[in-house]
Amino acid sequence: MRRVSKKAGQSKKTGSDVVALNRKAGFDFFIEERFEAGLALEGWEVKSLRAKRVNLTESHVLVRRGEAWLIGCTITPLSTASTHIRADPTRTRKLLLHRREIDRLAGAVDRSGYAVVPLRLYWKRGVAKVEIGLGKGKKKQDKRADKKEQDWQRQRERLLKHKVH
């Protein structure tokens, strides 16, 4: 077995390279399939992502005319952004996906009533990536069941923690 050592500054996928998470997506949708997409960004947006000035909570993905677009993602410009560029924090950004992935997403959204939501934004080998999920919306009782399960897990952890010590 070959062991690969990490260079200084590199981290695991769940480490510091995650820029933003969309926790609300897991609460509102049953995520059935996940895709990794690149982002078409401007220079000031890359700098803002490095400073983690992004919000994915109210964003969604729209598939139109064979292209996927990230809508509603807010990337707040840094105060040091260039003066001759007018930064639009909520502009529509193009997602870079393979044709078969776009077709799969478009077909599921059109036929089955699925929604495409961004789950997290992260760096991979110096390139900004978005993990998007194909999911069905949860009903109120589903959300209640999930909340009940989370409360039980939290309570169980507390009980186990007190039992061990």
C-alpha atoms as a PDB file:
ATOM      1  CA  MET A   1       0.000   0.000   0.000  1.00  0.00           C
ATOM      2  CA  ARG A   2       1.393   3.352  -1.034  1.00  0.00           C
ATOM      3  CA  ARG A   3       1.076   6.224   1.416  1.00  0.00           C
ATOM      4  CA  VAL A   4       0.685   9.695  -0.009  1.00  0.00           C
ATOM      5  CA  SER A   5       1.804  12.549   2.193  1.00  0.00           C
ATOM      6  CA  LYS A   6      -0.024  15.847   2.052  1.00  0.00           C
ATOM      7  CA  LYS A   7       1.820  19.074   1.423  1.00  0.00           C
ATOM      8  CA  ALA A   8       1.535  21.938   3.853  1.00  0.00           C
ATOM      9  CA  GLY A   9      -1.729  23.813   3.374  1.00  0.00           C
ATOM     10  CA  GLN A  10      -3.604  20.919   1.781  1.00  0.00           C
ATOM     11  CA  SER A  11      -6.578  19.470   3.568  1.00  0.00           C
ATOM     12  CA  LYS A  12      -9.184  16.742   3.262  1.00  0.00           C
ATOM     13  CA  LYS A  13     -12.465  17.278   1.461  1.00  0.00           C
ATOM     14  CA  THR A  14     -14.305  18.094   4.686  1.00  0.00           C
ATOM     15  CA  GLY A  15     -11.579  20.419   5.948  1.00  0.00           C
ATOM     16  CA  SER A  16     -10.827  24.042   5.281  1.00  0.00           C
ATOM     17  CA  ASP A  17     -11.311  23.807   1.512  1.00  0.00           C
ATOM     18  CA  VAL A  18     -15.106  23.895   1.985  1.00  0.00           C
ATOM     19  CA  VAL A  19     -16.153  27.479   1.358  1.00  0.00           C
ATOM     20  CA  ALA A  20     -19.918  27.299   1.991  1.00  0.00           C
ATOM     21  CA  LEU A  21     -22.543  24.740   2.951  1.00  0.00           C
ATOM     22  CA  ASN A  22     -26.256  24.788   2.207  1.00  0.00           C
ATOM     23  CA  ARG A  23     -27.678  23.113   5.314  1.00  0.00           C
ATOM     24  CA  LYS A  24     -31.197  24.161   4.396  1.00  0.00           C
ATOM     25  CA  ALA A  25     -31.097  21.948   1.287  1.00  0.00           C
ATOM     26  CA  GLY A  26     -30.780  18.790   3.400  1.00  0.00           C
ATOM     27  CA  PHE A  27     -33.727  19.902   5.502  1.00  0.00           C
ATOM     28  CA  ASP A  28     -35.983  20.791   2.547  1.00  0.00           C
ATOM     29  CA  PHE A  29     -35.096  18.008   0.073  1.00  0.00           C
ATOM     30  CA  PHE A  30     -34.425  14.270  -0.136  1.00  0.00           C
ATOM     31  CA  ILE A  31     -31.121  14.357  -2.048  1.00  0.00           C
ATOM     32  CA  GLU A  32     -31.001  11.314  -4.323  1.00  0.00           C
ATOM     33  CA  GLU A  33     -28.081  12.052  -6.619  1.00  0.00           C
ATOM     34  CA  ARG A  34     -25.066  14.354  -6.391  1.00  0.00           C
ATOM     35  CA  PHE A  35     -23.011  16.002  -9.138  1.00  0.00           C
ATOM     36  CA  GLU A  36     -19.812  18.040  -9.119  1.00  0.00           C
ATOM     37  CA  ALA A  37     -19.819  21.141 -11.295  1.00  0.00           C
ATOM     38  CA  GLY A  38     -17.285  23.813 -12.058  1.00  0.00           C
ATOM     39  CA  LEU A  39     -18.154  27.510 -11.865  1.00  0.00           C
ATOM     40  CA  ALA A  40     -17.544  30.285 -14.383  1.00  0.00           C
ATOM     41  CA  LEU A  41     -16.341  33.122 -12.143  1.00  0.00           C
ATOM     42  CA  GLU A  42     -14.886  36.585 -12.465  1.00  0.00           C
ATOM     43  CA  GLY A  43     -11.658  37.606 -10.747  1.00  0.00           C
ATOM     44  CA  TRP A  44     -13.247  39.508  -7.865  1.00  0.00           C
ATOM     45  CA  GLU A  45     -15.504  36.505  -7.174  1.00  0.00           C
ATOM     46  CA  VAL A  46     -12.515  34.187  -6.788  1.00  0.00           C
ATOM     47  CA  LYS A  47     -10.972  36.566  -4.250  1.00  0.00           C
ATOM     48  CA  SER A  48     -14.243  36.723  -2.330  1.00  0.00           C
ATOM     49  CA  LEU A  49     -14.516  32.919  -2.337  1.00  0.00           C
ATOM     50  CA  ARG A  50     -11.038  32.656  -0.881  1.00  0.00           C
ATOM     51  CA  ALA A  51     -12.215  34.995   1.897  1.00  0.00           C
ATOM     52  CA  LYS A  52     -15.350  32.776   2.313  1.00  0.00           C
ATOM     53  CA  ARG A  53     -17.770  35.613   1.611  1.00  0.00           C
ATOM     54  CA  VAL A  54     -20.481  33.502  -0.022  1.00  0.00           C
ATOM     55  CA  ASN A  55     -24.040  32.437   0.822  1.00  0.00           C
ATOM     56  CA  LEU A  56     -25.707  29.423  -0.839  1.00  0.00           C
ATOM     57  CA  THR A  57     -28.846  29.283   1.313  1.00  0.00           C
ATOM     58  CA  GLU A  58     -31.372  30.877  -1.060  1.00  0.00           C
ATOM     59  CA  SER A  59     -29.792  29.659  -4.291  1.00  0.00           C
ATOM     60  CA  HIS A  60     -30.980  27.091  -6.812  1.00  0.00           C
ATOM     61  CA  VAL A  61     -29.935  25.645 -10.159  1.00  0.00           C
ATOM     62  CA  LEU A  62     -31.859  26.255 -13.367  1.00  0.00           C
ATOM     63  CA  VAL A  63     -31.351  24.088 -16.459  1.00  0.00           C
ATOM     64  CA  ARG A  64     -32.317  25.963 -19.617  1.00  0.00           C
ATOM     65  CA  ARG A  65     -31.391  25.496 -23.301  1.00  0.00           C
ATOM     66  CA  GLY A  66     -28.790  22.834 -22.555  1.00  0.00           C
ATOM     67  CA  GLU A  67     -26.945  24.887 -19.922  1.00  0.00           C
ATOM     68  CA  ALA A  68     -27.027  24.899 -16.132  1.00  0.00           C
ATOM     69  CA  TRP A  69     -27.096  28.179 -14.201  1.00  0.00           C
ATOM     70  CA  LEU A  70     -26.583  28.943 -10.519  1.00  0.00           C
ATOM     71  CA  ILE A  71     -29.168  31.528  -9.468  1.00  0.00           C
ATOM     72  CA  GLY A  72     -29.411  33.410  -6.199  1.00  0.00           C
ATOM     73  CA  CYS A  73     -25.934  32.636  -4.864  1.00  0.00           C
ATOM     74  CA  THR A  74     -24.606  35.731  -3.111  1.00  0.00           C
ATOM     75  CA  ILE A  75     -20.879  36.396  -3.348  1.00  0.00           C
ATOM     76  CA  THR A  76     -20.146  39.581  -1.436  1.00  0.00           C
ATOM     77  CA  PRO A  77     -17.395  41.643  -3.065  1.00  0.00           C
ATOM     78  CA  LEU A  78     -14.377  42.574  -0.990  1.00  0.00           C
ATOM     79  CA  SER A  79     -13.854  46.228  -0.132  1.00  0.00           C
ATOM     80  CA  THR A  80     -10.552  46.053  -1.991  1.00  0.00           C
ATOM     81  CA  ALA A  81     -12.260  45.118  -5.279  1.00  0.00           C
ATOM     82  CA  SER A  82     -11.286  47.157  -8.295  1.00  0.00           C
ATOM     83  CA  THR A  83     -13.010  50.519  -8.723  1.00  0.00           C
ATOM     84  CA  HIS A  84     -13.541  50.200 -12.484  1.00  0.00           C
ATOM     85  CA  ILE A  85     -15.471  46.926 -12.196  1.00  0.00           C
ATOM     86  CA  ARG A  86     -19.055  47.048 -10.985  1.00  0.00           C
ATOM     87  CA  ALA A  87     -19.538  43.910  -8.899  1.00  0.00           C
ATOM     88  CA  ASP A  88     -22.983  42.255  -8.907  1.00  0.00           C
ATOM     89  CA  PRO A  89     -23.158  39.978  -5.824  1.00  0.00           C
ATOM     90  CA  THR A  90     -26.173  37.952  -7.020  1.00  0.00           C
ATOM     91  CA  ARG A  91     -25.438  37.609 -10.718  1.00  0.00           C
ATOM     92  CA  THR A  92     -26.350  34.384 -12.507  1.00  0.00           C
ATOM     93  CA  ARG A  93     -23.306  32.127 -12.843  1.00  0.00           C
ATOM     94  CA  LYS A  94     -22.829  29.359 -15.367  1.00  0.00           C
ATOM     95  CA  LEU A  95     -22.187  25.825 -14.111  1.00  0.00           C
ATOM     96  CA  LEU A  96     -19.749  23.680 -16.045  1.00  0.00           C
ATOM     97  CA  LEU A  97     -21.098  20.141 -16.465  1.00  0.00           C
ATOM     98  CA  HIS A  98     -20.815  17.376 -19.034  1.00  0.00           C
ATOM     99  CA  ARG A  99     -23.613  17.155 -21.603  1.00  0.00           C
ATOM    100  CA  ARG A 100     -24.945  13.836 -20.263  1.00  0.00           C
ATOM    101  CA  GLU A 101     -25.105  15.288 -16.736  1.00  0.00           C
ATOM    102  CA  ILE A 102     -27.049  18.316 -17.939  1.00  0.00           C
ATOM    103  CA  ASP A 103     -29.419  16.061 -19.889  1.00  0.00           C
ATOM    104  CA  ARG A 104     -29.934  13.870 -16.812  1.00  0.00           C
ATOM    105  CA  LEU A 105     -30.746  16.901 -14.648  1.00  0.00           C
ATOM    106  CA  ALA A 106     -33.061  18.452 -17.243  1.00  0.00           C
ATOM    107  CA  GLY A 107     -34.941  15.181 -17.748  1.00  0.00           C
ATOM    108  CA  ALA A 108     -35.460  14.628 -14.025  1.00  0.00           C
ATOM    109  CA  VAL A 109     -36.646  18.187 -13.438  1.00  0.00           C
ATOM    110  CA  ASP A 110     -39.066  18.130 -16.388  1.00  0.00           C
ATOM    111  CA  ARG A 111     -40.592  14.683 -15.907  1.00  0.00           C
ATOM    112  CA  SER A 112     -40.369  13.696 -12.278  1.00  0.00           C
ATOM    113  CA  GLY A 113     -40.778  16.952 -10.368  1.00  0.00           C
ATOM    114  CA  TYR A 114     -37.264  17.008  -8.967  1.00  0.00           C
ATOM    115  CA  ALA A 115     -35.359  20.139  -7.991  1.00  0.00           C
ATOM    116  CA  VAL A 116     -31.657  20.830  -8.437  1.00  0.00           C
ATOM    117  CA  VAL A 117     -30.075  22.556  -5.443  1.00  0.00           C
ATOM    118  CA  PRO A 118     -26.494  23.519  -4.618  1.00  0.00           C
ATOM    119  CA  LEU A 119     -25.251  21.642  -1.548  1.00  0.00           C
ATOM    120  CA  ARG A 120     -21.772  23.021  -0.963  1.00  0.00           C
ATOM    121  CA  LEU A 121     -19.063  25.131  -2.543  1.00  0.00           C
ATOM    122  CA  TYR A 122     -15.438  24.046  -2.188  1.00  0.00           C
ATOM    123  CA  TRP A 123     -11.946  24.188  -3.659  1.00  0.00           C
ATOM    124  CA  LYS A 124     -10.517  21.205  -5.499  1.00  0.00           C
ATOM    125  CA  ARG A 125      -6.928  21.507  -6.722  1.00  0.00           C
ATOM    126  CA  GLY A 126      -7.250  25.304  -6.777  1.00  0.00           C
ATOM    127  CA  VAL A 127     -10.499  25.298  -8.770  1.00  0.00           C
ATOM    128  CA  ALA A 128     -13.870  26.322  -7.345  1.00  0.00           C
ATOM    129  CA  LYS A 129     -16.435  23.501  -7.483  1.00  0.00           C
ATOM    130  CA  VAL A 130     -20.106  23.282  -6.546  1.00  0.00           C
ATOM    131  CA  GLU A 131     -21.712  20.055  -5.396  1.00  0.00           C
ATOM    132  CA  ILE A 132     -25.289  20.045  -6.641  1.00  0.00           C
ATOM    133  CA  GLY A 133     -27.962  17.586  -5.669  1.00  0.00           C
ATOM    134  CA  LEU A 134     -30.977  16.230  -7.481  1.00  0.00           C
ATOM    135  CA  GLY A 135     -33.705  16.004  -4.885  1.00  0.00           C
ATOM    136  CA  LYS A 136     -37.416  15.767  -4.222  1.00  0.00           C
ATOM    137  CA  GLY A 137     -39.052  18.229  -1.857  1.00  0.00           C
ATOM    138  CA  LYS A 138     -39.924  17.069   1.645  1.00  0.00           C
ATOM    139  CA  LYS A 139     -43.395  17.455   3.051  1.00  0.00           C
ATOM    140  CA  LYS A 140     -44.073  18.873   6.503  1.00  0.00           C
ATOM    141  CA  GLN A 141     -44.348  15.452   8.162  1.00  0.00           C
ATOM    142  CA  ASP A 142     -41.041  14.380   6.633  1.00  0.00           C
ATOM    143  CA  LYS A 143     -39.349  17.453   8.083  1.00  0.00           C
ATOM    144  CA  ARG A 144     -40.876  16.720  11.482  1.00  0.00           C
ATOM    145  CA  ALA A 145     -39.605  13.134  11.371  1.00  0.00           C
ATOM    146  CA  ASP A 146     -36.103  14.332  10.474  1.00  0.00           C
ATOM    147  CA  LYS A 147     -36.141  16.851  13.327  1.00  0.00           C
ATOM    148  CA  LYS A 148     -37.286  14.143  15.743  1.00  0.00           C
ATOM    149  CA  GLU A 149     -34.471  11.845  14.556  1.00  0.00           C
ATOM    150  CA  GLN A 150     -31.888  14.623  14.986  1.00  0.00           C
ATOM    151  CA  ASP A 151     -33.122  15.327  18.524  1.00  0.00           C
ATOM    152  CA  TRP A 152     -32.911  11.625  19.368  1.00  0.00           C
ATOM    153  CA  GLN A 153     -29.356  11.352  17.991  1.00  0.00           C
ATOM    154  CA  ARG A 154     -28.296  14.399  20.014  1.00  0.00           C
ATOM    155  CA  GLN A 155     -29.884  12.984  23.173  1.00  0.00           C
ATOM    156  CA  ARG A 156     -28.266   9.585  22.566  1.00  0.00           C
ATOM    157  CA  GLU A 157     -24.834  11.202  22.205  1.00  0.00           C
ATOM    158  CA  ARG A 158     -25.330  13.040  25.496  1.00  0.00           C
ATOM    159  CA  LEU A 159     -26.336   9.825  27.252  1.00  0.00           C
ATOM    160  CA  LEU A 160     -23.345   7.929  25.887  1.00  0.00           C
ATOM    161  CA  LYS A 161     -21.012  10.772  26.787  1.00  0.00           C
ATOM    162  CA  HIS A 162     -22.219  10.855  30.399  1.00  0.00           C
ATOM    163  CA  LYS A 163     -22.139   7.066  30.662  1.00  0.00           C
ATOM    164  CA  VAL A 164     -18.495   6.854  29.554  1.00  0.00           C
ATOM    165  CA  HIS A 165     -17.240   9.521  31.948  1.00  0.00           C
END
